[in-house]
Amino acid sequence: MKLRHMFTGIAVLMLASVVWSAAGQTAPAADAAAATAQDNGGVVKSPPVAEKPDPLKRRLTDREEADRLKNTRAELKGEYKKWLDEDVRWIITDEEERAFKNLANDEERDQFIEQFWLRRNPNPDSPENEFKDEHYARIAYANEHFAAGKPGWMTDRGHIYIAYGKPDNIDSHPSGGSYERPMEEGGGNTSTFPFEVWHYRYLEGVGDNIDIEFVDTCMCGDYHATIDRSEKDALKNVPGAGETMYEQMGQAKKADRFSGGGLEQLGAGPGTQNNQSKEFDRIDQFAKLFAPPPVKFADLDEFLSSAKVLNGPPFLFDVRTDYVKLTNDTVMVPLTLQIRNGDITYSSKDGDSTGTVNILGRVSNINHRVIQTFEDTVKVETPTDLLERTKNNLSVYWKALPLPPGRYKVEIAIKDVNNADHVGVWRRSLDVPKFDEDRLASSSLILADQMERVPSKDVGTGNFVIGNTKLRPRVPPSITTPVTFHRAQNLNFWMQVYNLGISDSTKKNDATIEYQILDLATNKQILDSQESAQKLNPNADQLTLEKTMPLASLEPGRYQVTITVNDVAGKQQISQSAPFIVEQ
């Protein structure tokens, strides 16, 4: 089995609880008050005054909530308006734009902007964001080279450059002038306005070998994108000038260009027979070029949004979540998906069988606003004659999400591409911890079946990579079931420790790390060892603990690994445990 692509690429619904309060009863009626007066010897006592509800705390009506959102959007101004309307205008999705406009205050907007760039960062572990740097470099380039009475980012060339980057090739005619038409445009010689043709070998979501034509018909430097390749022809409307090859030979009339009703007015020529049939392709390409980034798996997005009933058997998969500190305000949340190969539908061709799975994930905050989404397609390939033997094998996919501390809902939907009714959904709440600077803390304790160093060029990048270590976590089949290893495997465990105390006198840490493995059946210690933090990194307040243990010496059964950190300098202690099963 070979994994062609690892999921780098997720999301669990967490519903905010709504507390309703009942309104109080009205005051007694006047006649009831009179009756009470008679019972009290004619003395009328004032009834207790019911406390009026605070109008600022009552639940808003639908109309009031709509007005509030309208006013919020109207108040969007200054740097936030510039960020939305200029900085990310060509790369933000429609869903993200709607979410940003509905945010209630500047704190939420700042957090949204931070997460916007983090989820596009190709290296979440790095303090530098290559995507963000490249994006603003493209804006600067567009403003410098494509300005034409308006900033370069507002022009069509600026739009395409910012969205897709530098083209692979540019055919530039900055002064226009004499132009020998290619045969697919009718042939013959004419004179043109200034124009450029940008060629991209491939654009994701658009296609292969994409040509984009820009024409400066005003001769003012404002090149606009066009579908009509005849628009650059400066002699198109001049009778008898700039004729195509067939027009020169008398086989067509120039007036025929304007009577066909098509998108282009190229005129007839030896290579133009198929132009009309390709017009819809050109419209489709143009629409894709200038459209916001699409949701690739709209069917899965609709499935998550509508909670549709499954038509076929559910596509089962397991998910593991872990937490690793990146900064004081950001936590990396690795999500590991595990699918049994036998649950995937395969298509066979030329002796190879391929299973394809589409994955869509999204993360929402407690206000049900989607703050992150991701999509990916993964493939599992195996020789057809080995397919039956590999159906019990497991395929694992990984996605690391940078999130600020807080509570979230994560939803993941997967679809078996070769079986349209085979869909699976996973939903969970997610409590991302806050790592306080003055409190000893640790990441998740991760049990892995693979753990190895990565080359320096791959530090912090790629699937299953945390820092300088490639770590493939074992995924339990359920929350209550431990992960399973075989005796022929190694047990790898990984954990980071944060905020170790540093001695004022020695300027070093002073902590002891204890590793224990307990046989849960006999309550007997199989391993009990210690090491000093100073031997690992004496001057650091953060440590990465990595250990590997062969399991051949353990009998099949249930065990538990525990790591305890006793911080003498900081006078604190923490402990993390994880159960596991050893099979024959």
Foldseek 3Di string as FASTA:
>chain_A
DDWPDFDAAFFFFDAFDDDDDDDDDDDDDPVVQCVVCVVVVNDGDDDDDDDDDDPVPDDDDPVVLVVLLVVQLVPQDDPRCCCCVPQCVLADAPQLSVLLSRDRDPVVNVQLVVQVQLNVAQFNLDPDRPLSVVLVVLQVVQQVQQDFVHGSCPAQVSSLCNNPNAAPDKDWDQQWAWDADDQQLQGFIATFATKMWGWHQADPQQGGTDIWIWGDPVNRRRTHTALAPCNGGPCLPPPPGRDGPCCVVVNDHSVVLVPPPARYSRDHHPNHPCVRVCRVVSVSNVCRSRHHDDDPCVVVVVCVVVVDDFPDDEQDKFKDWWWADSDQFKIKIKIKIKHQQLSADWDDDPQKTKWKKKKKKFKAANVRRTSDIDIDMIMDMDGPVCSVVRRRPMDMHMYIRIDGFHKMKMKMKMAGPVDRSHIHMDIDMDGHDRDDQLDKDKIAKFKFQDKDFDPPVCASHDTCHDGRMRGHGFTASDPPGAGEDELQTKTKIKMKIANFAAAPVPLWWWKKKWKWKAQPVVRDTPDIDIDTVVVQPTNDRMGMDIDIGRNNPPDWGKMKMKMKMQGPNSRDIDMHMGMYTYDD
